[in-house]
Amino acid sequence: MILFLGALILITAYMSSLLTVIFITKDKSLGNFTWGGGCILLTLYTFIFGSSYYPRQIIATLLIGIWGIRLSSYLLYRYHKKEDLRFKDWKVEWTLRSIGETIWWVCGFQLFLLLIMSAPIIIINLCSGAGFNMLDCIGTAGYIMGFIIENIADYQLYRFTSNSAHDGQIMKEGLWRYSRHPNYFGESVMWWSLYLIAFSVPYGFLTIGAPITIYLTLRYFSAPLIEKKLANNPDYQEYQARTNMFIPLPPQS
């Protein structure tokens, strides 16, 4: 009971601090940092105060820690560069409606993501037994593979957009030749792989909502938001016609 109370206090303080910064800067896009940073906090908290420091718990915590630091750093970079098409125009004014919408975005949708996505690592840290089985090995290998795919895709996109000669052009090279959102695909692979690790512990199978939620969010929310911004670009329309949206597949002729 004390452990869960501490987690509640930790997340409440984190959300309140983030909301304060959002209202000071009048920038709702900062709410996108909610679930990544929150997952790191809950991961470290449950590992330090609730785990038995078994190999599964140590490895899973390290995987989430690396993911969270990488995600937060990348989002911070894109925020300063104003490169994130999903949240470029998300400025808020001091009106009752915008305040309510912002609180819902952070304390509603983003908090929901935070709790759902933290479920596997919480289960692993609080309920994990000793031992390291085949599912753990497959999950760890899959997680690393997804992490590599996401990082390669982001790096390829970074190099492409950093070249002024590519201004106004669409990225179609490397992994982007086979998927319009290979970075999101890699992210999804990571969470399905973490679920395999959680499946090895009691009640871990109940956390299937995490990989399903991340897939649905990336596939039907984040990706469409980006594509909506590019919908009137003839080059992107041609790219859409021959390139799969999510799972990397050979391009259609």
C-alpha atoms as a PDB file:
ATOM      1  CA  MET A   1       0.000   0.000   0.000  1.00  0.00           C
ATOM      2  CA  ILE A   2       2.809   2.416   0.890  1.00  0.00           C
ATOM      3  CA  LEU A   3       4.521   1.566  -2.414  1.00  0.00           C
ATOM      4  CA  PHE A   4       1.445   2.503  -4.458  1.00  0.00           C
ATOM      5  CA  LEU A   5       0.890   5.657  -2.405  1.00  0.00           C
ATOM      6  CA  GLY A   6       4.456   6.726  -3.127  1.00  0.00           C
ATOM      7  CA  ALA A   7       3.936   6.085  -6.835  1.00  0.00           C
ATOM      8  CA  LEU A   8       0.762   8.183  -6.775  1.00  0.00           C
ATOM      9  CA  ILE A   9       2.549  11.089  -5.074  1.00  0.00           C
ATOM     10  CA  LEU A  10       5.433  10.839  -7.538  1.00  0.00           C
ATOM     11  CA  ILE A  11       3.222  10.918 -10.635  1.00  0.00           C
ATOM     12  CA  THR A  12       0.993  13.681  -9.217  1.00  0.00           C
ATOM     13  CA  ALA A  13       4.030  15.883  -8.580  1.00  0.00           C
ATOM     14  CA  TYR A  14       5.391  15.128 -12.055  1.00  0.00           C
ATOM     15  CA  MET A  15       2.097  15.902 -13.819  1.00  0.00           C
ATOM     16  CA  SER A  16       1.557  19.088 -11.815  1.00  0.00           C
ATOM     17  CA  SER A  17       5.053  20.337 -12.662  1.00  0.00           C
ATOM     18  CA  LEU A  18       4.557  19.594 -16.350  1.00  0.00           C
ATOM     19  CA  LEU A  19       1.180  21.343 -16.436  1.00  0.00           C
ATOM     20  CA  THR A  20       2.728  24.388 -14.801  1.00  0.00           C
ATOM     21  CA  VAL A  21       5.431  24.581 -17.466  1.00  0.00           C
ATOM     22  CA  ILE A  22       2.831  24.138 -20.228  1.00  0.00           C
ATOM     23  CA  PHE A  23       0.697  27.006 -18.971  1.00  0.00           C
ATOM     24  CA  ILE A  24       3.717  29.257 -18.467  1.00  0.00           C
ATOM     25  CA  THR A  25       4.981  28.631 -22.007  1.00  0.00           C
ATOM     26  CA  LYS A  26       1.460  28.314 -23.485  1.00  0.00           C
ATOM     27  CA  ASP A  27       2.668  25.319 -25.460  1.00  0.00           C
ATOM     28  CA  LYS A  28       0.490  22.201 -25.250  1.00  0.00           C
ATOM     29  CA  SER A  29       2.953  20.159 -27.313  1.00  0.00           C
ATOM     30  CA  LEU A  30       5.094  19.843 -24.165  1.00  0.00           C
ATOM     31  CA  GLY A  31       2.484  17.385 -22.962  1.00  0.00           C
ATOM     32  CA  ASN A  32       4.073  14.906 -25.348  1.00  0.00           C
ATOM     33  CA  PHE A  33       6.834  14.486 -22.752  1.00  0.00           C
ATOM     34  CA  THR A  34       4.340  13.174 -20.195  1.00  0.00           C
ATOM     35  CA  TRP A  35       4.313   9.451 -20.735  1.00  0.00           C
ATOM     36  CA  GLY A  36       7.985   9.013 -21.637  1.00  0.00           C
ATOM     37  CA  GLY A  37       9.274  10.790 -18.553  1.00  0.00           C
ATOM     38  CA  GLY A  38       6.573   9.260 -16.400  1.00  0.00           C
ATOM     39  CA  CYS A  39       7.495   5.741 -17.523  1.00  0.00           C
ATOM     40  CA  ILE A  40      11.100   6.371 -16.500  1.00  0.00           C
ATOM     41  CA  LEU A  41      10.010   7.595 -13.065  1.00  0.00           C
ATOM     42  CA  LEU A  42       7.730   4.609 -12.416  1.00  0.00           C
ATOM     43  CA  THR A  43      10.341   2.196 -13.742  1.00  0.00           C
ATOM     44  CA  LEU A  44      13.057   3.510 -11.432  1.00  0.00           C
ATOM     45  CA  TYR A  45      10.674   3.806  -8.496  1.00  0.00           C
ATOM     46  CA  THR A  46       9.379   0.221  -8.728  1.00  0.00           C
ATOM     47  CA  PHE A  47      12.869  -1.134  -9.400  1.00  0.00           C
ATOM     48  CA  ILE A  48      14.446   0.612  -6.400  1.00  0.00           C
ATOM     49  CA  PHE A  49      11.651   0.081  -3.899  1.00  0.00           C
ATOM     50  CA  GLY A  50       9.802  -3.007  -5.158  1.00  0.00           C
ATOM     51  CA  SER A  51      12.110  -5.346  -7.032  1.00  0.00           C
ATOM     52  CA  SER A  52      14.366  -8.164  -5.852  1.00  0.00           C
ATOM     53  CA  TYR A  53      17.072  -7.250  -8.394  1.00  0.00           C
ATOM     54  CA  TYR A  54      16.677 -10.442 -10.392  1.00  0.00           C
ATOM     55  CA  PRO A  55      18.237 -10.549 -13.905  1.00  0.00           C
ATOM     56  CA  ARG A  56      14.860 -10.093 -15.605  1.00  0.00           C
ATOM     57  CA  GLN A  57      14.136  -6.980 -13.545  1.00  0.00           C
ATOM     58  CA  ILE A  58      17.585  -5.497 -14.128  1.00  0.00           C
ATOM     59  CA  ILE A  59      17.498  -6.080 -17.888  1.00  0.00           C
ATOM     60  CA  ALA A  60      13.921  -4.816 -18.323  1.00  0.00           C
ATOM     61  CA  THR A  61      14.664  -1.711 -16.251  1.00  0.00           C
ATOM     62  CA  LEU A  62      17.780  -0.984 -18.305  1.00  0.00           C
ATOM     63  CA  LEU A  63      15.814  -1.396 -21.546  1.00  0.00           C
ATOM     64  CA  ILE A  64      13.103   1.021 -20.412  1.00  0.00           C
ATOM     65  CA  GLY A  65      15.688   3.468 -19.055  1.00  0.00           C
ATOM     66  CA  ILE A  66      17.595   3.577 -22.339  1.00  0.00           C
ATOM     67  CA  TRP A  67      14.345   3.931 -24.283  1.00  0.00           C
ATOM     68  CA  GLY A  68      13.052   6.730 -22.045  1.00  0.00           C
ATOM     69  CA  ILE A  69      16.280   8.747 -22.099  1.00  0.00           C
ATOM     70  CA  ARG A  70      16.548   8.372 -25.859  1.00  0.00           C
ATOM     71  CA  LEU A  71      12.893   9.331 -26.425  1.00  0.00           C
ATOM     72  CA  SER A  72      12.987  12.372 -24.143  1.00  0.00           C
ATOM     73  CA  SER A  73      16.259  13.589 -25.680  1.00  0.00           C
ATOM     74  CA  TYR A  74      14.935  13.163 -29.214  1.00  0.00           C
ATOM     75  CA  LEU A  75      11.638  14.915 -28.441  1.00  0.00           C
ATOM     76  CA  LEU A  76      13.523  17.771 -26.776  1.00  0.00           C
ATOM     77  CA  TYR A  77      15.751  18.130 -29.837  1.00  0.00           C
ATOM     78  CA  ARG A  78      12.769  18.168 -32.213  1.00  0.00           C
ATOM     79  CA  TYR A  79      10.929  20.595 -29.967  1.00  0.00           C
ATOM     80  CA  HIS A  80      13.790  23.104 -30.027  1.00  0.00           C
ATOM     81  CA  LYS A  81      14.204  22.649 -33.784  1.00  0.00           C
ATOM     82  CA  LYS A  82      10.427  22.982 -34.305  1.00  0.00           C
ATOM     83  CA  GLU A  83      10.523  19.890 -36.527  1.00  0.00           C
ATOM     84  CA  ASP A  84       7.613  17.910 -35.089  1.00  0.00           C
ATOM     85  CA  LEU A  85       4.748  18.376 -37.564  1.00  0.00           C
ATOM     86  CA  ARG A  86       2.276  16.805 -35.137  1.00  0.00           C
ATOM     87  CA  PHE A  87       2.509  19.603 -32.550  1.00  0.00           C
ATOM     88  CA  LYS A  88       3.886  22.553 -34.476  1.00  0.00           C
ATOM     89  CA  ASP A  89       0.728  24.634 -34.085  1.00  0.00           C
ATOM     90  CA  TRP A  90      -0.311  23.532 -30.618  1.00  0.00           C
ATOM     91  CA  LYS A  91      -0.262  26.864 -28.815  1.00  0.00           C
ATOM     92  CA  VAL A  92      -2.784  27.572 -26.065  1.00  0.00           C
ATOM     93  CA  GLU A  93      -4.415  30.771 -24.903  1.00  0.00           C
ATOM     94  CA  TRP A  94      -5.705  31.637 -21.452  1.00  0.00           C
ATOM     95  CA  THR A  95      -9.329  30.606 -22.077  1.00  0.00           C
ATOM     96  CA  LEU A  96     -11.437  28.200 -20.049  1.00  0.00           C
ATOM     97  CA  ARG A  97     -11.796  25.882 -23.049  1.00  0.00           C
ATOM     98  CA  SER A  98      -8.083  25.731 -23.875  1.00  0.00           C
ATOM     99  CA  ILE A  99      -7.200  25.174 -20.220  1.00  0.00           C
ATOM    100  CA  GLY A 100      -9.675  22.297 -20.041  1.00  0.00           C
ATOM    101  CA  GLU A 101      -8.396  20.792 -23.298  1.00  0.00           C
ATOM    102  CA  THR A 102      -4.803  21.024 -22.096  1.00  0.00           C
ATOM    103  CA  ILE A 103      -5.580  19.395 -18.751  1.00  0.00           C
ATOM    104  CA  TRP A 104      -7.389  16.609 -20.603  1.00  0.00           C
ATOM    105  CA  TRP A 105      -4.451  16.154 -22.997  1.00  0.00           C
ATOM    106  CA  VAL A 106      -1.926  15.841 -20.174  1.00  0.00           C
ATOM    107  CA  CYS A 107      -3.945  14.352 -17.303  1.00  0.00           C
ATOM    108  CA  GLY A 108      -6.308  12.392 -19.533  1.00  0.00           C
ATOM    109  CA  PHE A 109      -4.861  10.926 -22.710  1.00  0.00           C
ATOM    110  CA  GLN A 110      -1.174  11.215 -21.805  1.00  0.00           C
ATOM    111  CA  LEU A 111      -1.733   9.923 -18.253  1.00  0.00           C
ATOM    112  CA  PHE A 112      -3.698   7.004 -19.693  1.00  0.00           C
ATOM    113  CA  LEU A 113      -0.756   6.219 -21.982  1.00  0.00           C
ATOM    114  CA  LEU A 114       1.656   6.523 -19.063  1.00  0.00           C
ATOM    115  CA  LEU A 115      -0.239   4.055 -16.871  1.00  0.00           C
ATOM    116  CA  ILE A 116      -0.904   1.568 -19.676  1.00  0.00           C
ATOM    117  CA  MET A 117       2.661   1.634 -20.984  1.00  0.00           C
ATOM    118  CA  SER A 118       4.156   1.354 -17.497  1.00  0.00           C
ATOM    119  CA  ALA A 119       2.142  -1.760 -16.667  1.00  0.00           C
ATOM    120  CA  PRO A 120       4.614  -4.359 -18.078  1.00  0.00           C
ATOM    121  CA  ILE A 121       7.666  -2.959 -16.284  1.00  0.00           C
ATOM    122  CA  ILE A 122       5.696  -2.496 -13.041  1.00  0.00           C
ATOM    123  CA  ILE A 123       4.561  -6.131 -13.175  1.00  0.00           C
ATOM    124  CA  ILE A 124       8.097  -7.281 -13.946  1.00  0.00           C
ATOM    125  CA  ASN A 125       9.637  -5.292 -11.092  1.00  0.00           C
ATOM    126  CA  LEU A 126       7.001  -6.170  -8.502  1.00  0.00           C
ATOM    127  CA  CYS A 127       6.134  -9.778  -9.387  1.00  0.00           C
ATOM    128  CA  SER A 128       9.158 -11.210 -11.147  1.00  0.00           C
ATOM    129  CA  GLY A 129      10.683 -14.442  -9.879  1.00  0.00           C
ATOM    130  CA  ALA A 130      14.203 -15.676 -10.311  1.00  0.00           C
ATOM    131  CA  GLY A 131      15.342 -17.226 -13.570  1.00  0.00           C
ATOM    132  CA  PHE A 132      15.617 -16.116 -17.164  1.00  0.00           C
ATOM    133  CA  ASN A 133      13.732 -18.207 -19.750  1.00  0.00           C
ATOM    134  CA  MET A 134      13.348 -18.413 -23.535  1.00  0.00           C
ATOM    135  CA  LEU A 135      10.610 -15.765 -23.642  1.00  0.00           C
ATOM    136  CA  ASP A 136      12.935 -13.375 -21.828  1.00  0.00           C
ATOM    137  CA  CYS A 137      15.657 -14.036 -24.410  1.00  0.00           C
ATOM    138  CA  ILE A 138      13.289 -13.565 -27.370  1.00  0.00           C
ATOM    139  CA  GLY A 139      11.773 -10.450 -25.808  1.00  0.00           C
ATOM    140  CA  THR A 140      15.165  -8.906 -25.078  1.00  0.00           C
ATOM    141  CA  ALA A 141      16.428  -9.657 -28.612  1.00  0.00           C
ATOM    142  CA  GLY A 142      13.234  -8.281 -30.156  1.00  0.00           C
ATOM    143  CA  TYR A 143      13.415  -5.153 -28.033  1.00  0.00           C
ATOM    144  CA  ILE A 144      16.992  -4.499 -29.123  1.00  0.00           C
ATOM    145  CA  MET A 145      16.032  -5.084 -32.766  1.00  0.00           C
ATOM    146  CA  GLY A 146      13.124  -2.629 -32.522  1.00  0.00           C
ATOM    147  CA  PHE A 147      15.365  -0.079 -30.823  1.00  0.00           C
ATOM    148  CA  ILE A 148      17.937  -0.385 -33.617  1.00  0.00           C
ATOM    149  CA  ILE A 149      15.281  -0.031 -36.327  1.00  0.00           C
ATOM    150  CA  GLU A 150      13.828   3.075 -34.707  1.00  0.00           C
ATOM    151  CA  ASN A 151      17.213   4.718 -34.223  1.00  0.00           C
ATOM    152  CA  ILE A 152      18.405   3.957 -37.757  1.00  0.00           C
ATOM    153  CA  ALA A 153      15.158   5.340 -39.192  1.00  0.00           C
ATOM    154  CA  ASP A 154      15.385   8.520 -37.110  1.00  0.00           C
ATOM    155  CA  TYR A 155      19.048   8.997 -38.009  1.00  0.00           C
ATOM    156  CA  GLN A 156      18.328   8.526 -41.720  1.00  0.00           C
ATOM    157  CA  LEU A 157      15.526  11.080 -41.508  1.00  0.00           C
ATOM    158  CA  TYR A 158      17.765  13.483 -39.578  1.00  0.00           C
ATOM    159  CA  ARG A 159      20.516  13.290 -42.205  1.00  0.00           C
ATOM    160  CA  PHE A 160      18.013  13.785 -45.006  1.00  0.00           C
ATOM    161  CA  THR A 161      16.256  16.802 -43.476  1.00  0.00           C
ATOM    162  CA  SER A 162      19.578  18.368 -42.407  1.00  0.00           C
ATOM    163  CA  ASN A 163      20.665  18.622 -46.038  1.00  0.00           C
ATOM    164  CA  SER A 164      19.355  21.891 -47.485  1.00  0.00           C
ATOM    165  CA  ALA A 165      19.398  20.306 -50.925  1.00  0.00           C
ATOM    166  CA  HIS A 166      16.460  18.155 -49.794  1.00  0.00           C
ATOM    167  CA  ASP A 167      14.209  21.071 -48.791  1.00  0.00           C
ATOM    168  CA  GLY A 168      10.658  20.329 -49.860  1.00  0.00           C
ATOM    169  CA  GLN A 169      11.499  16.737 -50.792  1.00  0.00           C
ATOM    170  CA  ILE A 170      10.134  13.516 -49.315  1.00  0.00           C
ATOM    171  CA  MET A 171      12.363  11.002 -47.551  1.00  0.00           C
ATOM    172  CA  LYS A 172      12.224   7.739 -49.532  1.00  0.00           C
ATOM    173  CA  GLU A 173      15.625   6.212 -48.836  1.00  0.00           C
ATOM    174  CA  GLY A 174      16.940   3.547 -46.458  1.00  0.00           C
ATOM    175  CA  LEU A 175      14.269   2.087 -44.224  1.00  0.00           C
ATOM    176  CA  TRP A 176      11.858   4.763 -45.458  1.00  0.00           C
ATOM    177  CA  ARG A 177      11.801   3.027 -48.825  1.00  0.00           C
ATOM    178  CA  TYR A 178       9.918   0.119 -47.248  1.00  0.00           C
ATOM    179  CA  SER A 179       7.722   1.918 -44.720  1.00  0.00           C
ATOM    180  CA  ARG A 180       6.406   5.464 -44.438  1.00  0.00           C
ATOM    181  CA  HIS A 181       6.936   5.287 -40.665  1.00  0.00           C
ATOM    182  CA  PRO A 182       9.719   2.764 -39.931  1.00  0.00           C
ATOM    183  CA  ASN A 183      10.587   4.553 -36.691  1.00  0.00           C
ATOM    184  CA  TYR A 184       7.065   3.951 -35.383  1.00  0.00           C
ATOM    185  CA  PHE A 185       7.274   0.318 -36.481  1.00  0.00           C
ATOM    186  CA  GLY A 186      10.483  -0.093 -34.464  1.00  0.00           C
ATOM    187  CA  GLU A 187       8.814   1.477 -31.439  1.00  0.00           C
ATOM    188  CA  SER A 188       5.903  -0.941 -31.704  1.00  0.00           C
ATOM    189  CA  VAL A 189       8.276  -3.926 -31.950  1.00  0.00           C
ATOM    190  CA  MET A 190       9.955  -2.788 -28.722  1.00  0.00           C
ATOM    191  CA  TRP A 191       6.718  -2.791 -26.738  1.00  0.00           C
ATOM    192  CA  TRP A 192       5.552  -6.137 -28.080  1.00  0.00           C
ATOM    193  CA  SER A 193       8.951  -7.520 -27.097  1.00  0.00           C
ATOM    194  CA  LEU A 194       8.689  -6.083 -23.587  1.00  0.00           C
ATOM    195  CA  TYR A 195       5.310  -7.773 -23.312  1.00  0.00           C
ATOM    196  CA  LEU A 196       6.995 -11.116 -24.013  1.00  0.00           C
ATOM    197  CA  ILE A 197       9.301 -10.474 -21.050  1.00  0.00           C
ATOM    198  CA  ALA A 198       6.346  -9.533 -18.851  1.00  0.00           C
ATOM    199  CA  PHE A 199       4.524 -12.685 -19.997  1.00  0.00           C
ATOM    200  CA  SER A 200       7.082 -14.697 -18.015  1.00  0.00           C
ATOM    201  CA  VAL A 201       5.877 -13.358 -14.653  1.00  0.00           C
ATOM    202  CA  PRO A 202       2.590 -13.871 -12.759  1.00  0.00           C
ATOM    203  CA  TYR A 203      -0.227 -11.753 -14.213  1.00  0.00           C
ATOM    204  CA  GLY A 204       2.127 -10.421 -16.879  1.00  0.00           C
ATOM    205  CA  PHE A 205      -0.228 -11.551 -19.632  1.00  0.00           C
ATOM    206  CA  LEU A 206      -2.715  -8.927 -18.414  1.00  0.00           C
ATOM    207  CA  THR A 207      -0.418  -6.123 -19.629  1.00  0.00           C
ATOM    208  CA  ILE A 208      -1.170  -6.825 -23.300  1.00  0.00           C
ATOM    209  CA  GLY A 209      -2.913  -3.455 -23.363  1.00  0.00           C
ATOM    210  CA  ALA A 210       0.519  -1.784 -23.529  1.00  0.00           C
ATOM    211  CA  PRO A 211       1.681  -3.085 -26.945  1.00  0.00           C
ATOM    212  CA  ILE A 212      -1.842  -2.830 -28.362  1.00  0.00           C
ATOM    213  CA  THR A 213      -2.163   0.782 -27.180  1.00  0.00           C
ATOM    214  CA  ILE A 214       1.210   1.848 -28.575  1.00  0.00           C
ATOM    215  CA  TYR A 215       0.424   0.250 -31.925  1.00  0.00           C
ATOM    216  CA  LEU A 216      -3.005   1.871 -32.183  1.00  0.00           C
ATOM    217  CA  THR A 217      -1.648   5.255 -31.057  1.00  0.00           C
ATOM    218  CA  LEU A 218       1.244   5.268 -33.539  1.00  0.00           C
ATOM    219  CA  ARG A 219      -0.692   3.726 -36.421  1.00  0.00           C
ATOM    220  CA  TYR A 220      -3.963   5.618 -36.082  1.00  0.00           C
ATOM    221  CA  PHE A 221      -2.992   8.868 -34.304  1.00  0.00           C
ATOM    222  CA  SER A 222       0.634   9.924 -34.700  1.00  0.00           C
ATOM    223  CA  ALA A 223       1.185   8.694 -38.261  1.00  0.00           C
ATOM    224  CA  PRO A 224      -2.080  10.152 -39.658  1.00  0.00           C
ATOM    225  CA  LEU A 225      -1.315  13.514 -38.021  1.00  0.00           C
ATOM    226  CA  ILE A 226       1.968  13.690 -39.937  1.00  0.00           C
ATOM    227  CA  GLU A 227       0.444  12.490 -43.182  1.00  0.00           C
ATOM    228  CA  LYS A 228      -2.361  15.023 -42.942  1.00  0.00           C
ATOM    229  CA  LYS A 229       0.232  17.804 -43.083  1.00  0.00           C
ATOM    230  CA  LEU A 230       1.621  16.324 -46.314  1.00  0.00           C
ATOM    231  CA  ALA A 231      -1.665  15.273 -47.904  1.00  0.00           C
ATOM    232  CA  ASN A 232      -1.545  17.950 -50.635  1.00  0.00           C
ATOM    233  CA  ASN A 233       2.018  17.157 -51.675  1.00  0.00           C
ATOM    234  CA  PRO A 234       1.910  15.279 -55.045  1.00  0.00           C
ATOM    235  CA  ASP A 235       5.273  13.670 -54.341  1.00  0.00           C
ATOM    236  CA  TYR A 236       4.015  12.343 -51.021  1.00  0.00           C
ATOM    237  CA  GLN A 237       0.831  11.081 -52.650  1.00  0.00           C
ATOM    238  CA  GLU A 238       2.955   9.034 -55.044  1.00  0.00           C
ATOM    239  CA  TYR A 239       5.042   7.823 -52.090  1.00  0.00           C
ATOM    240  CA  GLN A 240       1.862   6.778 -50.262  1.00  0.00           C
ATOM    241  CA  ALA A 241       0.629   4.834 -53.263  1.00  0.00           C
ATOM    242  CA  ARG A 242       3.653   2.535 -53.418  1.00  0.00           C
ATOM    243  CA  THR A 243       4.960   2.401 -49.834  1.00  0.00           C
ATOM    244  CA  ASN A 244       3.340   0.564 -46.950  1.00  0.00           C
ATOM    245  CA  MET A 245       2.352   2.793 -44.057  1.00  0.00           C
ATOM    246  CA  PHE A 246       3.637   0.836 -41.071  1.00  0.00           C
ATOM    247  CA  ILE A 247       5.150  -2.637 -41.501  1.00  0.00           C
ATOM    248  CA  PRO A 248       8.207  -2.511 -43.793  1.00  0.00           C
ATOM    249  CA  LEU A 249       7.407  -4.287 -47.081  1.00  0.00           C
ATOM    250  CA  PRO A 250       8.881  -4.161 -50.610  1.00  0.00           C
ATOM    251  CA  PRO A 251       7.550  -1.055 -52.392  1.00  0.00           C
ATOM    252  CA  GLN A 252       4.878  -1.587 -55.026  1.00  0.00           C
ATOM    253  CA  SER A 253       5.909  -1.007 -58.609  1.00  0.00           C
END
